[in-house]
Amino acid sequence: MPNEKILIIEDDSDIVEMITYNLEKEGFKVVFSSNGEDALELLKIEHPNLVLLDLMLPGLDGFEVCSSIRNNDATSHIPIIMLTAKSQEADKIVGFEIGADDYITKPFSPKELIARIRAVLRRLEPPVLKQIGTGDIAIDTLKHKATVLGNPVHLTYTEFKLLAYMTQRPGIVLTRDKIVADVFNYSSDNNDSYDRSVDNHIKTLRKKLGTVRDHIETVRGLGYSFKENL
């Protein structure tokens, strides 16, 4: 994946220099910003393939920047890897909830970072326009929009990603561990908090699907499955 453009949003110049050197050595193009406000403007100009986002930024913090990227139709599809000194589990869950695709804790090795970048870029799925059943649910992954019975439904980034993931794998039993790995892009390590997060997302997603909620089936003792036809 040569010539992919990476936007680094980081206010520590030494870290920016280290990351830039190693990414350019691997054939990536690099642009950077030291604060969130400028980074959001730079996104409109540079159209990067991926964002490396520090959480502890002056002005807008990384969570706010991530939310802004996800809530803008022009940028919502861009994958985000969060870089942070925070290693608490709660911070990671919040990061994934608002739309981070991966999360790496400082200090990190350049090899690990590059491996994570390549893994996230490989996971990108082509845009899909999919209609479920007789128009019960319609998914547009390019615009990150969903409709239920012809009416727009407001989903968070993670809820949309979860729904798109399930609709593209009808009839397959998806365990909680697999959903955590493929949707949250994080190893659950049998951690109950991640299982609860999956269950909570399924619960709210079903509520938003309303009368067509039964497309999402619970497979007792295993996880969930998606039915194309009710």
Protein backbone atom coordinates (compact mmCIF):
# COMPACT_ATOMS: atom_id res chain seq x y z
CA MET A 1 0.00 0.00 0.00
CA PRO A 2 2.62 2.58 -1.07
CA ASN A 3 1.83 6.29 -1.32
CA GLU A 4 -0.98 6.15 1.25
CA LYS A 5 -1.19 9.52 2.97
CA ILE A 6 -1.12 9.66 6.78
CA LEU A 7 -2.16 12.71 8.81
CA ILE A 8 -0.39 12.92 12.17
CA ILE A 9 -2.17 15.07 14.79
CA GLU A 10 0.38 15.38 17.59
CA ASP A 11 1.87 18.31 19.51
CA ASP A 12 5.13 16.60 20.53
CA SER A 13 7.61 17.47 17.78
CA ASP A 14 9.98 14.63 18.71
CA ILE A 15 7.21 12.06 18.28
CA VAL A 16 6.14 13.65 14.99
CA GLU A 17 9.72 13.50 13.73
CA MET A 18 10.12 9.85 14.75
CA ILE A 19 6.83 8.77 13.19
CA THR A 20 7.42 10.78 10.00
CA TYR A 21 10.88 9.30 9.49
CA ASN A 22 9.67 5.74 9.87
CA LEU A 23 6.52 6.16 7.78
CA GLU A 24 8.34 7.85 4.90
CA LYS A 25 10.96 5.09 5.00
CA GLU A 26 8.10 2.63 4.39
CA GLY A 27 6.76 4.64 1.44
CA PHE A 28 3.93 6.54 3.14
CA LYS A 29 3.26 10.22 2.53
CA VAL A 30 2.99 12.26 5.73
CA VAL A 31 1.33 15.53 6.71
CA PHE A 32 0.95 16.74 10.27
CA SER A 33 -0.70 19.24 12.57
CA SER A 34 0.06 20.13 16.18
CA ASN A 35 -3.51 21.01 17.22
CA GLY A 36 -7.03 19.86 16.61
CA GLU A 37 -8.46 23.01 15.04
CA ASP A 38 -5.80 23.18 12.31
CA ALA A 39 -6.00 19.43 11.77
CA LEU A 40 -9.70 19.60 10.92
CA GLU A 41 -8.95 22.24 8.29
CA LEU A 42 -6.03 20.20 6.96
CA LEU A 43 -8.32 17.19 6.53
CA LYS A 44 -10.38 19.12 3.98
CA ILE A 45 -7.29 19.94 1.94
CA GLU A 46 -5.16 16.80 2.17
CA HIS A 47 -7.78 14.01 2.19
CA PRO A 48 -5.55 11.52 4.08
CA ASN A 49 -6.06 7.77 3.95
CA LEU A 50 -5.62 7.46 7.74
CA VAL A 51 -5.28 9.69 10.80
CA LEU A 52 -2.90 9.17 13.73
CA LEU A 53 -4.50 11.13 16.54
CA ASP A 54 -3.01 12.04 19.91
CA LEU A 55 -5.54 12.41 22.72
CA MET A 56 -3.77 15.11 24.73
CA LEU A 57 -3.84 18.07 22.36
CA PRO A 58 -3.98 21.81 23.05
CA GLY A 59 -7.43 23.26 22.43
CA LEU A 60 -9.64 20.53 21.04
CA ASP A 61 -8.59 17.22 22.56
CA GLY A 62 -8.35 13.99 20.62
CA PHE A 63 -11.83 12.80 21.60
CA GLU A 64 -13.36 16.04 20.25
CA VAL A 65 -11.33 15.82 17.04
CA CYS A 66 -12.37 12.20 16.55
CA SER A 67 -16.04 13.09 17.03
CA SER A 68 -15.75 15.97 14.55
CA ILE A 69 -14.21 13.68 11.93
CA ARG A 70 -16.90 11.06 12.42
CA ASN A 71 -19.79 13.58 12.33
CA ASN A 72 -18.70 15.07 9.01
CA ASP A 73 -19.93 13.19 5.93
CA ALA A 74 -16.80 14.21 4.00
CA THR A 75 -14.42 12.67 6.56
CA SER A 76 -16.43 10.04 8.45
CA HIS A 77 -14.95 7.18 6.41
CA ILE A 78 -11.29 7.99 7.27
CA PRO A 79 -9.80 5.43 9.70
CA ILE A 80 -8.38 6.78 12.97
CA ILE A 81 -5.68 5.30 15.18
CA MET A 82 -5.45 7.00 18.56
CA LEU A 83 -2.00 7.60 20.07
CA THR A 84 -1.96 8.29 23.76
CA ALA A 85 -0.18 7.94 27.05
CA LYS A 86 -3.50 6.95 28.60
CA SER A 87 -3.74 3.20 29.00
CA GLN A 88 -6.89 2.99 31.12
CA GLU A 89 -9.49 0.60 29.77
CA ALA A 90 -12.22 3.28 30.07
CA ASP A 91 -10.33 5.61 27.74
CA LYS A 92 -10.00 2.85 25.16
CA ILE A 93 -13.71 2.04 25.31
CA VAL A 94 -14.61 5.74 24.92
CA GLY A 95 -12.22 5.98 21.98
CA PHE A 96 -13.85 3.05 20.20
CA GLU A 97 -17.34 4.32 21.08
CA ILE A 98 -16.76 7.63 19.29
CA GLY A 99 -15.16 6.06 16.27
CA ALA A 100 -11.49 5.14 16.72
CA ASP A 101 -10.43 2.18 14.59
CA ASP A 102 -7.45 1.26 16.75
CA TYR A 103 -5.66 2.47 19.86
CA ILE A 104 -1.95 2.38 20.62
CA THR A 105 -0.42 3.42 23.94
CA LYS A 106 2.82 5.39 24.25
CA PRO A 107 5.62 4.48 24.26
CA PHE A 108 5.35 2.31 21.17
CA SER A 109 7.81 0.91 18.67
CA PRO A 110 7.77 2.21 15.07
CA LYS A 111 7.41 -1.39 13.85
CA GLU A 112 4.29 -1.90 15.94
CA LEU A 113 2.79 1.38 14.73
CA ILE A 114 3.43 0.57 11.07
CA ALA A 115 1.97 -2.91 11.54
CA ARG A 116 -1.16 -1.39 13.10
CA ILE A 117 -1.49 1.14 10.25
CA ARG A 118 -1.20 -1.57 7.62
CA ALA A 119 -3.68 -3.77 9.45
CA VAL A 120 -6.27 -0.98 9.65
CA LEU A 121 -5.81 -0.06 5.97
CA ARG A 122 -6.17 -3.73 4.97
CA ARG A 123 -9.42 -3.98 6.92
CA LEU A 124 -11.08 -1.21 4.95
CA GLU A 125 -14.02 -2.64 3.08
CA PRO A 126 -15.18 -1.24 -0.28
CA PRO A 127 -18.26 1.00 -0.17
CA VAL A 128 -21.46 -1.02 -0.01
CA LEU A 129 -25.02 -0.01 -0.83
CA LYS A 130 -27.15 -2.80 0.58
CA GLN A 131 -30.87 -3.26 1.02
CA ILE A 132 -32.12 -5.80 3.54
CA GLY A 133 -35.28 -7.79 3.01
CA THR A 134 -37.95 -5.80 1.16
CA GLY A 135 -36.47 -2.46 2.11
CA ASP A 136 -36.60 -2.93 5.88
CA ILE A 137 -33.05 -1.62 6.24
CA ALA A 138 -30.82 0.17 3.74
CA ILE A 139 -27.10 0.68 4.35
CA ASP A 140 -24.80 3.11 2.54
CA THR A 141 -21.26 2.61 3.87
CA LEU A 142 -19.81 5.36 1.68
CA LYS A 143 -22.03 8.03 3.24
CA HIS A 144 -22.30 6.25 6.60
CA LYS A 145 -26.09 6.46 6.45
CA ALA A 146 -28.83 3.98 7.25
CA THR A 147 -32.58 3.99 6.76
CA VAL A 148 -35.26 1.84 8.38
CA LEU A 149 -38.47 1.36 6.40
CA GLY A 150 -37.39 4.30 4.25
CA ASN A 151 -36.79 6.65 7.17
CA PRO A 152 -33.32 7.88 8.19
CA VAL A 153 -32.14 6.49 11.51
CA HIS A 154 -29.50 8.22 13.60
CA LEU A 155 -26.75 5.79 14.60
CA THR A 156 -23.49 6.45 16.38
CA TYR A 157 -20.34 5.60 14.43
CA THR A 158 -19.94 2.31 16.29
CA GLU A 159 -23.63 1.38 15.95
CA PHE A 160 -23.44 2.01 12.19
CA LYS A 161 -20.22 0.03 11.89
CA LEU A 162 -21.78 -2.84 13.84
CA LEU A 163 -24.94 -2.84 11.71
CA ALA A 164 -22.95 -2.72 8.44
CA TYR A 165 -20.71 -5.52 9.69
CA MET A 166 -23.63 -7.76 10.58
CA THR A 167 -25.65 -7.08 7.40
CA GLN A 168 -22.67 -8.13 5.30
CA ARG A 169 -22.47 -11.49 7.15
CA PRO A 170 -26.07 -12.78 7.16
CA GLY A 171 -26.72 -16.10 8.82
CA ILE A 172 -23.25 -16.31 10.37
CA VAL A 173 -22.97 -16.68 14.14
CA LEU A 174 -20.83 -13.78 15.35
CA THR A 175 -19.35 -14.29 18.80
CA ARG A 176 -18.78 -11.34 21.10
CA ASP A 177 -15.02 -11.85 20.82
CA LYS A 178 -15.24 -11.70 17.03
CA ILE A 179 -17.36 -8.54 17.13
CA VAL A 180 -14.88 -6.91 19.52
CA ALA A 181 -11.98 -7.85 17.23
CA ASP A 182 -13.63 -6.96 13.90
CA VAL A 183 -15.80 -3.97 14.83
CA PHE A 184 -13.93 -2.48 17.79
CA ASN A 185 -10.63 -3.74 16.32
CA TYR A 186 -9.43 -4.74 19.76
CA SER A 187 -8.60 -8.01 21.46
CA SER A 188 -11.13 -8.76 24.17
CA ASP A 189 -8.81 -11.09 26.07
CA ASN A 190 -11.97 -12.53 27.64
CA ASN A 191 -12.62 -9.17 29.24
CA ASP A 192 -16.20 -8.94 30.51
CA SER A 193 -16.33 -5.16 30.02
CA TYR A 194 -15.94 -5.56 26.24
CA ASP A 195 -18.62 -8.25 26.17
CA ARG A 196 -20.96 -5.89 28.03
CA SER A 197 -20.14 -3.12 25.57
CA VAL A 198 -21.13 -5.38 22.65
CA ASP A 199 -24.39 -6.33 24.40
CA ASN A 200 -25.19 -2.67 25.10
CA HIS A 201 -24.57 -1.71 21.48
CA ILE A 202 -26.81 -4.54 20.27
CA LYS A 203 -29.52 -3.43 22.70
CA THR A 204 -29.49 0.20 21.54
CA LEU A 205 -29.22 -0.85 17.89
CA ARG A 206 -32.29 -3.05 18.20
CA LYS A 207 -34.17 -0.20 19.85
CA LYS A 208 -33.31 2.14 16.96
CA LEU A 209 -34.34 -0.50 14.39
CA GLY A 210 -37.80 -0.48 15.95
CA THR A 211 -40.26 -2.86 14.29
CA VAL A 212 -37.50 -4.58 12.28
CA ARG A 213 -35.32 -5.26 15.32
CA ASP A 214 -35.77 -9.01 14.89
CA HIS A 215 -33.28 -8.99 12.01
CA ILE A 216 -30.71 -9.25 14.84
CA GLU A 217 -30.94 -12.63 16.55
CA THR A 218 -29.39 -13.65 19.85
CA VAL A 219 -27.62 -17.01 19.61
CA ARG A 220 -27.72 -18.15 23.21
CA GLY A 221 -24.32 -18.90 24.70
CA LEU A 222 -22.48 -17.77 21.55
CA GLY A 223 -23.31 -14.28 20.35
CA TYR A 224 -25.49 -12.83 17.60
CA SER A 225 -26.58 -13.44 14.03
CA PHE A 226 -28.25 -11.32 11.34
CA LYS A 227 -31.30 -12.52 9.39
CA GLU A 228 -31.79 -10.96 5.94
CA ASN A 229 -35.49 -11.88 5.86
CA LEU A 230 -37.99 -11.87 8.70
